[in-house]
Amino acid sequence: MVKGYESEKDVRMEPGDTVEIGGYTFRFDGVRDVNGPNYVAGRAQIPVTRNGKPVTTLYPEKRIYRVQNQPMTEAAIDTGFTRDLYVSLGEA
């Protein structure tokens, strides 16, 4: 049943760009470097609004773990009773 109501879009965004999907507007505010306990990451900030009202801010990451030295994607998910908002970072 979920697949019938799912909306998905792959987009390339620059800081300040917005995209609308499923009645929600996602704005890409850019990526900043962060250090985790065993990784370094680029963390994006993506405020989400609906009808001009704030819903949430998502923080997806592209991590590189120091031991493995391989990139991993850490998706940002905001769960709700009737919807889930999911954002992940692609390659730069």
PDB file of N, CA and C in Angstrom:
ATOM      1  N   MET A   1       0.813  -1.193   0.000  1.00  0.00           N
ATOM      2  CA  MET A   1       0.000   0.000   0.000  1.00  0.00           C
ATOM      3  C   MET A   1       0.859   1.260   0.000  1.00  0.00           C
ATOM      4  N   VAL A   2       1.999   1.224   0.650  1.00  0.00           N
ATOM      5  CA  VAL A   2       2.854   2.407   0.737  1.00  0.00           C
ATOM      6  C   VAL A   2       3.304   2.865  -0.640  1.00  0.00           C
ATOM      7  N   LYS A   3       3.714   1.948  -1.487  1.00  0.00           N
ATOM      8  CA  LYS A   3       4.222   2.311  -2.811  1.00  0.00           C
ATOM      9  C   LYS A   3       3.212   3.119  -3.619  1.00  0.00           C
ATOM     10  N   GLY A   4       1.927   2.879  -3.422  1.00  0.00           N
ATOM     11  CA  GLY A   4       0.902   3.599  -4.165  1.00  0.00           C
ATOM     12  C   GLY A   4       0.802   5.064  -3.796  1.00  0.00           C
ATOM     13  N   TYR A   5       1.255   5.427  -2.606  1.00  0.00           N
ATOM     14  CA  TYR A   5       1.148   6.805  -2.132  1.00  0.00           C
ATOM     15  C   TYR A   5       2.495   7.483  -1.970  1.00  0.00           C
ATOM     16  N   GLU A   6       3.545   6.848  -2.426  1.00  0.00           N
ATOM     17  CA  GLU A   6       4.902   7.357  -2.242  1.00  0.00           C
ATOM     18  C   GLU A   6       5.236   8.431  -3.277  1.00  0.00           C
ATOM     19  N   SER A   7       5.957   9.463  -2.853  1.00  0.00           N
ATOM     20  CA  SER A   7       6.496  10.482  -3.756  1.00  0.00           C
ATOM     21  C   SER A   7       8.000  10.518  -3.564  1.00  0.00           C
ATOM     22  N   GLU A   8       8.732  10.515  -4.660  1.00  0.00           N
ATOM     23  CA  GLU A   8      10.194  10.521  -4.592  1.00  0.00           C
ATOM     24  C   GLU A   8      10.736  11.382  -5.720  1.00  0.00           C
ATOM     25  N   LYS A   9      11.819  12.101  -5.427  1.00  0.00           N
ATOM     26  CA  LYS A   9      12.435  12.941  -6.444  1.00  0.00           C
ATOM     27  C   LYS A   9      13.929  13.031  -6.171  1.00  0.00           C
ATOM     28  N   ASP A  10      14.735  12.775  -7.194  1.00  0.00           N
ATOM     29  CA  ASP A  10      16.186  12.967  -7.108  1.00  0.00           C
ATOM     30  C   ASP A  10      16.507  14.302  -7.760  1.00  0.00           C
ATOM     31  N   VAL A  11      17.151  15.189  -7.009  1.00  0.00           N
ATOM     32  CA  VAL A  11      17.465  16.516  -7.534  1.00  0.00           C
ATOM     33  C   VAL A  11      18.873  16.925  -7.141  1.00  0.00           C
ATOM     34  N   ARG A  12      19.464  17.771  -7.957  1.00  0.00           N
ATOM     35  CA  ARG A  12      20.744  18.399  -7.633  1.00  0.00           C
ATOM     36  C   ARG A  12      20.411  19.795  -7.139  1.00  0.00           C
ATOM     37  N   MET A  13      20.918  20.133  -5.961  1.00  0.00           N
ATOM     38  CA  MET A  13      20.587  21.421  -5.360  1.00  0.00           C
ATOM     39  C   MET A  13      21.845  22.165  -4.943  1.00  0.00           C
ATOM     40  N   GLU A  14      21.796  23.457  -5.094  1.00  0.00           N
ATOM     41  CA  GLU A  14      22.824  24.375  -4.605  1.00  0.00           C
ATOM     42  C   GLU A  14      22.259  25.053  -3.360  1.00  0.00           C
ATOM     43  N   PRO A  15      23.119  25.584  -2.477  1.00  0.00           N
ATOM     44  CA  PRO A  15      22.607  26.278  -1.294  1.00  0.00           C
ATOM     45  C   PRO A  15      21.591  27.354  -1.669  1.00  0.00           C
ATOM     46  N   GLY A  16      20.459  27.323  -0.968  1.00  0.00           N
ATOM     47  CA  GLY A  16      19.371  28.267  -1.222  1.00  0.00           C
ATOM     48  C   GLY A  16      18.288  27.718  -2.140  1.00  0.00           C
ATOM     49  N   ASP A  17      18.566  26.642  -2.866  1.00  0.00           N
ATOM     50  CA  ASP A  17      17.571  26.044  -3.758  1.00  0.00           C
ATOM     51  C   ASP A  17      16.456  25.394  -2.956  1.00  0.00           C
ATOM     52  N   THR A  18      15.247  25.391  -3.544  1.00  0.00           N
ATOM     53  CA  THR A  18      14.113  24.718  -2.933  1.00  0.00           C
ATOM     54  C   THR A  18      13.512  23.736  -3.936  1.00  0.00           C
ATOM     55  N   VAL A  19      12.838  22.733  -3.411  1.00  0.00           N
ATOM     56  CA  VAL A  19      12.099  21.777  -4.237  1.00  0.00           C
ATOM     57  C   VAL A  19      10.828  21.415  -3.476  1.00  0.00           C
ATOM     58  N   GLU A  20       9.733  21.275  -4.216  1.00  0.00           N
ATOM     59  CA  GLU A  20       8.473  20.886  -3.601  1.00  0.00           C
ATOM     60  C   GLU A  20       8.132  19.471  -4.014  1.00  0.00           C
ATOM     61  N   ILE A  21       7.705  18.695  -3.034  1.00  0.00           N
ATOM     62  CA  ILE A  21       7.284  17.321  -3.294  1.00  0.00           C
ATOM     63  C   ILE A  21       6.247  16.929  -2.249  1.00  0.00           C
ATOM     64  N   GLY A  22       5.158  16.386  -2.696  1.00  0.00           N
ATOM     65  CA  GLY A  22       4.113  15.922  -1.788  1.00  0.00           C
ATOM     66  C   GLY A  22       3.524  17.015  -0.912  1.00  0.00           C
ATOM     67  N   GLY A  23       3.528  18.247  -1.386  1.00  0.00           N
ATOM     68  CA  GLY A  23       2.993  19.356  -0.600  1.00  0.00           C
ATOM     69  C   GLY A  23       3.970  19.958   0.396  1.00  0.00           C
ATOM     70  N   TYR A  24       5.192  19.426   0.444  1.00  0.00           N
ATOM     71  CA  TYR A  24       6.238  19.933   1.342  1.00  0.00           C
ATOM     72  C   TYR A  24       7.296  20.648   0.519  1.00  0.00           C
ATOM     73  N   THR A  25       7.858  21.704   1.082  1.00  0.00           N
ATOM     74  CA  THR A  25       8.942  22.430   0.436  1.00  0.00           C
ATOM     75  C   THR A  25      10.221  22.188   1.223  1.00  0.00           C
ATOM     76  N   PHE A  26      11.243  21.709   0.519  1.00  0.00           N
ATOM     77  CA  PHE A  26      12.558  21.415   1.101  1.00  0.00           C
ATOM     78  C   PHE A  26      13.540  22.467   0.604  1.00  0.00           C
ATOM     79  N   ARG A  27      14.269  23.108   1.515  1.00  0.00           N
ATOM     80  CA  ARG A  27      15.275  24.112   1.143  1.00  0.00           C
ATOM     81  C   ARG A  27      16.649  23.611   1.571  1.00  0.00           C
ATOM     82  N   PHE A  28      17.572  23.609   0.630  1.00  0.00           N
ATOM     83  CA  PHE A  28      18.937  23.169   0.920  1.00  0.00           C
ATOM     84  C   PHE A  28      19.743  24.371   1.375  1.00  0.00           C
ATOM     85  N   ASP A  29      20.155  24.375   2.650  1.00  0.00           N
ATOM     86  CA  ASP A  29      20.916  25.493   3.219  1.00  0.00           C
ATOM     87  C   ASP A  29      22.424  25.288   3.145  1.00  0.00           C
ATOM     88  N   GLY A  30      22.872  24.167   2.584  1.00  0.00           N
ATOM     89  CA  GLY A  30      24.301  23.922   2.447  1.00  0.00           C
ATOM     90  C   GLY A  30      24.788  22.804   3.341  1.00  0.00           C
ATOM     91  N   VAL A  31      26.096  22.548   3.247  1.00  0.00           N
ATOM     92  CA  VAL A  31      26.741  21.460   3.990  1.00  0.00           C
ATOM     93  C   VAL A  31      27.889  22.040   4.805  1.00  0.00           C
ATOM     94  N   ARG A  32      28.033  21.562   6.026  1.00  0.00           N
ATOM     95  CA  ARG A  32      29.182  21.966   6.845  1.00  0.00           C
ATOM     96  C   ARG A  32      29.878  20.708   7.351  1.00  0.00           C
ATOM     97  N   ASP A  33      31.157  20.831   7.640  1.00  0.00           N
ATOM     98  CA  ASP A  33      31.942  19.705   8.139  1.00  0.00           C
ATOM     99  C   ASP A  33      31.698  19.517   9.629  1.00  0.00           C
ATOM    100  N   VAL A  34      31.563  18.256  10.036  1.00  0.00           N
ATOM    101  CA  VAL A  34      31.407  17.921  11.450  1.00  0.00           C
ATOM    102  C   VAL A  34      32.296  16.725  11.768  1.00  0.00           C
ATOM    103  N   ASN A  35      32.712  16.619  13.018  1.00  0.00           N
ATOM    104  CA  ASN A  35      33.505  15.487  13.486  1.00  0.00           C
ATOM    105  C   ASN A  35      32.679  14.670  14.458  1.00  0.00           C
ATOM    106  N   GLY A  36      32.563  13.373  14.171  1.00  0.00           N
ATOM    107  CA  GLY A  36      31.897  12.449  15.082  1.00  0.00           C
ATOM    108  C   GLY A  36      32.932  11.716  15.901  1.00  0.00           C
ATOM    109  N   PRO A  37      32.490  10.780  16.725  1.00  0.00           N
ATOM    110  CA  PRO A  37      33.429  10.058  17.584  1.00  0.00           C
ATOM    111  C   PRO A  37      34.435   9.217  16.800  1.00  0.00           C
ATOM    112  N   ASN A  38      34.006   8.671  15.647  1.00  0.00           N
ATOM    113  CA  ASN A  38      34.913   7.844  14.848  1.00  0.00           C
ATOM    114  C   ASN A  38      34.760   8.100  13.348  1.00  0.00           C
ATOM    115  N   TYR A  39      34.284   9.289  13.007  1.00  0.00           N
ATOM    116  CA  TYR A  39      34.086   9.644  11.604  1.00  0.00           C
ATOM    117  C   TYR A  39      34.174  11.159  11.402  1.00  0.00           C
ATOM    118  N   VAL A  40      34.351  11.554  10.161  1.00  0.00           N
ATOM    119  CA  VAL A  40      34.191  12.940   9.744  1.00  0.00           C
ATOM    120  C   VAL A  40      33.040  12.945   8.748  1.00  0.00           C
ATOM    121  N   ALA A  41      32.300  14.042   8.704  1.00  0.00           N
ATOM    122  CA  ALA A  41      31.112  14.055   7.857  1.00  0.00           C
ATOM    123  C   ALA A  41      30.851  15.435   7.297  1.00  0.00           C
ATOM    124  N   GLY A  42      30.143  15.442   6.181  1.00  0.00           N
ATOM    125  CA  GLY A  42      29.515  16.642   5.664  1.00  0.00           C
ATOM    126  C   GLY A  42      28.044  16.551   6.048  1.00  0.00           C
ATOM    127  N   ARG A  43      27.561  17.516   6.830  1.00  0.00           N
ATOM    128  CA  ARG A  43      26.171  17.507   7.304  1.00  0.00           C
ATOM    129  C   ARG A  43      25.390  18.632   6.630  1.00  0.00           C
ATOM    130  N   ALA A  44      24.326  18.262   5.943  1.00  0.00           N
ATOM    131  CA  ALA A  44      23.463  19.253   5.305  1.00  0.00           C
ATOM    132  C   ALA A  44      22.396  19.719   6.283  1.00  0.00           C
ATOM    133  N   GLN A  45      21.901  20.916   6.035  1.00  0.00           N
ATOM    134  CA  GLN A  45      20.766  21.435   6.792  1.00  0.00           C
ATOM    135  C   GLN A  45      19.649  21.697   5.798  1.00  0.00           C
ATOM    136  N   ILE A  46      18.490  21.052   6.032  1.00  0.00           N
ATOM    137  CA  ILE A  46      17.376  21.156   5.097  1.00  0.00           C
ATOM    138  C   ILE A  46      16.087  21.446   5.868  1.00  0.00           C
ATOM    139  N   PRO A  47      15.708  22.726   5.955  1.00  0.00           N
ATOM    140  CA  PRO A  47      14.421  23.060   6.579  1.00  0.00           C
ATOM    141  C   PRO A  47      13.273  22.606   5.667  1.00  0.00           C
ATOM    142  N   VAL A  48      12.211  22.107   6.286  1.00  0.00           N
ATOM    143  CA  VAL A  48      11.039  21.636   5.550  1.00  0.00           C
ATOM    144  C   VAL A  48       9.831  22.437   6.020  1.00  0.00           C
ATOM    145  N   THR A  49       9.052  22.923   5.050  1.00  0.00           N
ATOM    146  CA  THR A  49       7.837  23.672   5.365  1.00  0.00           C
ATOM    147  C   THR A  49       6.655  23.071   4.603  1.00  0.00           C
ATOM    148  N   ARG A  50       5.477  23.386   5.079  1.00  0.00           N
ATOM    149  CA  ARG A  50       4.246  23.016   4.383  1.00  0.00           C
ATOM    150  C   ARG A  50       3.298  24.202   4.489  1.00  0.00           C
ATOM    151  N   ASN A  51       2.852  24.697   3.353  1.00  0.00           N
ATOM    152  CA  ASN A  51       2.003  25.890   3.307  1.00  0.00           C
ATOM    153  C   ASN A  51       2.665  27.067   4.015  1.00  0.00           C
ATOM    154  N   GLY A  52       4.004  27.170   3.887  1.00  0.00           N
ATOM    155  CA  GLY A  52       4.743  28.271   4.480  1.00  0.00           C
ATOM    156  C   GLY A  52       5.029  28.131   5.961  1.00  0.00           C
ATOM    157  N   LYS A  53       4.561  27.054   6.581  1.00  0.00           N
ATOM    158  CA  LYS A  53       4.768  26.861   8.022  1.00  0.00           C
ATOM    159  C   LYS A  53       5.858  25.824   8.257  1.00  0.00           C
ATOM    160  N   PRO A  54       6.777  26.076   9.195  1.00  0.00           N
ATOM    161  CA  PRO A  54       7.851  25.115   9.480  1.00  0.00           C
ATOM    162  C   PRO A  54       7.298  23.771   9.937  1.00  0.00           C
ATOM    163  N   VAL A  55       7.883  22.699   9.419  1.00  0.00           N
ATOM    164  CA  VAL A  55       7.519  21.331   9.811  1.00  0.00           C
ATOM    165  C   VAL A  55       8.656  20.710  10.614  1.00  0.00           C
ATOM    166  N   THR A  56       9.875  20.755  10.053  1.00  0.00           N
ATOM    167  CA  THR A  56      11.050  20.176  10.696  1.00  0.00           C
ATOM    168  C   THR A  56      12.289  20.668   9.963  1.00  0.00           C
ATOM    169  N   THR A  57      13.439  20.376  10.523  1.00  0.00           N
ATOM    170  CA  THR A  57      14.706  20.565   9.834  1.00  0.00           C
ATOM    171  C   THR A  57      15.420  19.229   9.826  1.00  0.00           C
ATOM    172  N   LEU A  58      15.859  18.802   8.641  1.00  0.00           N
ATOM    173  CA  LEU A  58      16.529  17.516   8.479  1.00  0.00           C
ATOM    174  C   LEU A  58      18.029  17.725   8.323  1.00  0.00           C
ATOM    175  N   TYR A  59      18.810  16.787   8.861  1.00  0.00           N
ATOM    176  CA  TYR A  59      20.272  16.883   8.839  1.00  0.00           C
ATOM    177  C   TYR A  59      20.894  15.581   8.301  1.00  0.00           C
ATOM    178  N   PRO A  60      20.785  15.323   6.998  1.00  0.00           N
ATOM    179  CA  PRO A  60      21.439  14.131   6.444  1.00  0.00           C
ATOM    180  C   PRO A  60      22.952  14.322   6.413  1.00  0.00           C
ATOM    181  N   GLU A  61      23.694  13.201   6.438  1.00  0.00           N
ATOM    182  CA  GLU A  61      25.159  13.271   6.442  1.00  0.00           C
ATOM    183  C   GLU A  61      25.762  12.313   5.427  1.00  0.00           C
ATOM    184  N   LYS A  62      26.911  12.688   4.932  1.00  0.00           N
ATOM    185  CA  LYS A  62      27.788  11.799   4.167  1.00  0.00           C
ATOM    186  C   LYS A  62      29.009  11.611   5.053  1.00  0.00           C
ATOM    187  N   ARG A  63      29.158  10.410   5.622  1.00  0.00           N
ATOM    188  CA  ARG A  63      30.214  10.138   6.604  1.00  0.00           C
ATOM    189  C   ARG A  63      31.357   9.341   5.992  1.00  0.00           C
ATOM    190  N   ILE A  64      32.547   9.599   6.522  1.00  0.00           N
ATOM    191  CA  ILE A  64      33.708   8.759   6.234  1.00  0.00           C
ATOM    192  C   ILE A  64      34.241   8.288   7.578  1.00  0.00           C
ATOM    193  N   TYR A  65      34.132   6.980   7.802  1.00  0.00           N
ATOM    194  CA  TYR A  65      34.617   6.399   9.060  1.00  0.00           C
ATOM    195  C   TYR A  65      36.129   6.227   8.975  1.00  0.00           C
ATOM    196  N   ARG A  66      36.803   6.630  10.029  1.00  0.00           N
ATOM    197  CA  ARG A  66      38.273   6.652  10.031  1.00  0.00           C
ATOM    198  C   ARG A  66      38.875   5.262   9.814  1.00  0.00           C
ATOM    199  N   VAL A  67      38.295   4.230  10.363  1.00  0.00           N
ATOM    200  CA  VAL A  67      38.851   2.878  10.260  1.00  0.00           C
ATOM    201  C   VAL A  67      38.671   2.325   8.850  1.00  0.00           C
ATOM    202  N   GLN A  68      37.481   2.462   8.282  1.00  0.00           N
ATOM    203  CA  GLN A  68      37.179   1.889   6.976  1.00  0.00           C
ATOM    204  C   GLN A  68      37.600   2.774   5.816  1.00  0.00           C
ATOM    205  N   ASN A  69      37.606   4.089   6.039  1.00  0.00           N
ATOM    206  CA  ASN A  69      37.929   5.069   5.008  1.00  0.00           C
ATOM    207  C   ASN A  69      37.017   4.936   3.783  1.00  0.00           C
ATOM    208  N   GLN A  70      35.736   4.606   4.022  1.00  0.00           N
ATOM    209  CA  GLN A  70      34.753   4.501   2.958  1.00  0.00           C
ATOM    210  C   GLN A  70      33.578   5.426   3.270  1.00  0.00           C
ATOM    211  N   PRO A  71      33.041   6.088   2.253  1.00  0.00           N
ATOM    212  CA  PRO A  71      31.892   6.966   2.506  1.00  0.00           C
ATOM    213  C   PRO A  71      30.623   6.167   2.778  1.00  0.00           C
ATOM    214  N   MET A  72      29.825   6.670   3.707  1.00  0.00           N
ATOM    215  CA  MET A  72      28.542   6.070   4.057  1.00  0.00           C
ATOM    216  C   MET A  72      27.512   7.195   4.123  1.00  0.00           C
ATOM    217  N   THR A  73      26.312   6.902   3.695  1.00  0.00           N
ATOM    218  CA  THR A  73      25.239   7.887   3.740  1.00  0.00           C
ATOM    219  C   THR A  73      24.389   7.664   4.979  1.00  0.00           C
ATOM    220  N   GLU A  74      24.180   8.723   5.740  1.00  0.00           N
ATOM    221  CA  GLU A  74      23.307   8.694   6.911  1.00  0.00           C
ATOM    222  C   GLU A  74      22.089   9.542   6.561  1.00  0.00           C
ATOM    223  N   ALA A  75      20.980   8.874   6.267  1.00  0.00           N
ATOM    224  CA  ALA A  75      19.756   9.578   5.875  1.00  0.00           C
ATOM    225  C   ALA A  75      19.154  10.304   7.072  1.00  0.00           C
ATOM    226  N   ALA A  76      18.407  11.347   6.777  1.00  0.00           N
ATOM    227  CA  ALA A  76      17.642  12.055   7.800  1.00  0.00           C
ATOM    228  C   ALA A  76      16.174  11.706   7.578  1.00  0.00           C
ATOM    229  N   ILE A  77      15.500  11.270   8.628  1.00  0.00           N
ATOM    230  CA  ILE A  77      14.109  10.842   8.518  1.00  0.00           C
ATOM    231  C   ILE A  77      13.291  11.513   9.610  1.00  0.00           C
ATOM    232  N   ASP A  78      12.172  12.115   9.220  1.00  0.00           N
ATOM    233  CA  ASP A  78      11.216  12.659  10.175  1.00  0.00           C
ATOM    234  C   ASP A  78       9.943  11.826  10.031  1.00  0.00           C
ATOM    235  N   THR A  79       9.637  11.030  11.042  1.00  0.00           N
ATOM    236  CA  THR A  79       8.489  10.141  10.959  1.00  0.00           C
ATOM    237  C   THR A  79       7.228  10.827  11.467  1.00  0.00           C
ATOM    238  N   GLY A  80       6.126  10.459  10.885  1.00  0.00           N
ATOM    239  CA  GLY A  80       4.826  10.963  11.302  1.00  0.00           C
ATOM    240  C   GLY A  80       3.793   9.865  11.190  1.00  0.00           C
ATOM    241  N   PHE A  81       2.615  10.094  11.711  1.00  0.00           N
ATOM    242  CA  PHE A  81       1.576   9.077  11.686  1.00  0.00           C
ATOM    243  C   PHE A  81       1.115   8.773  10.268  1.00  0.00           C
ATOM    244  N   THR A  82       1.005   9.812   9.441  1.00  0.00           N
ATOM    245  CA  THR A  82       0.498   9.626   8.071  1.00  0.00           C
ATOM    246  C   THR A  82       1.556   9.816   6.996  1.00  0.00           C
ATOM    247  N   ARG A  83       2.813  10.132   7.404  1.00  0.00           N
ATOM    248  CA  ARG A  83       3.870  10.349   6.417  1.00  0.00           C
ATOM    249  C   ARG A  83       5.236  10.249   7.062  1.00  0.00           C
ATOM    250  N   ASP A  84       6.237   9.958   6.256  1.00  0.00           N
ATOM    251  CA  ASP A  84       7.638  10.023   6.666  1.00  0.00           C
ATOM    252  C   ASP A  84       8.354  10.917   5.664  1.00  0.00           C
ATOM    253  N   LEU A  85       9.174  11.830   6.162  1.00  0.00           N
ATOM    254  CA  LEU A  85      10.002  12.665   5.300  1.00  0.00           C
ATOM    255  C   LEU A  85      11.418  12.124   5.375  1.00  0.00           C
ATOM    256  N   TYR A  86      12.030  11.892   4.213  1.00  0.00           N
ATOM    257  CA  TYR A  86      13.312  11.199   4.124  1.00  0.00           C
ATOM    258  C   TYR A  86      14.200  11.981   3.167  1.00  0.00           C
ATOM    259  N   VAL A  87      15.406  12.311   3.610  1.00  0.00           N
ATOM    260  CA  VAL A  87      16.366  13.017   2.753  1.00  0.00           C
ATOM    261  C   VAL A  87      17.734  12.347   2.911  1.00  0.00           C
ATOM    262  N   SER A  88      18.408  12.123   1.801  1.00  0.00           N
ATOM    263  CA  SER A  88      19.782  11.626   1.862  1.00  0.00           C
ATOM    264  C   SER A  88      20.639  12.415   0.891  1.00  0.00           C
ATOM    265  N   LEU A  89      21.932  12.452   1.165  1.00  0.00           N
ATOM    266  CA  LEU A  89      22.869  13.179   0.320  1.00  0.00           C
ATOM    267  C   LEU A  89      23.472  12.262  -0.723  1.00  0.00           C
ATOM    268  N   GLY A  90      23.600  12.782  -1.934  1.00  0.00           N
ATOM    269  CA  GLY A  90      24.327  12.081  -2.973  1.00  0.00           C
ATOM    270  C   GLY A  90      25.765  12.559  -2.985  1.00  0.00           C
ATOM    271  N   GLU A  91      26.434  12.350  -4.082  1.00  0.00           N
ATOM    272  CA  GLU A  91      27.802  12.822  -4.223  1.00  0.00           C
ATOM    273  C   GLU A  91      27.805  14.306  -4.543  1.00  0.00           C
ATOM    274  N   ALA A  92      28.889  14.967  -4.173  1.00  0.00           N
ATOM    275  CA  ALA A  92      28.999  16.410  -4.426  1.00  0.00           C
ATOM    276  C   ALA A  92      28.985  16.713  -5.910  1.00  0.00           C
TER     277      ALA A  92
END
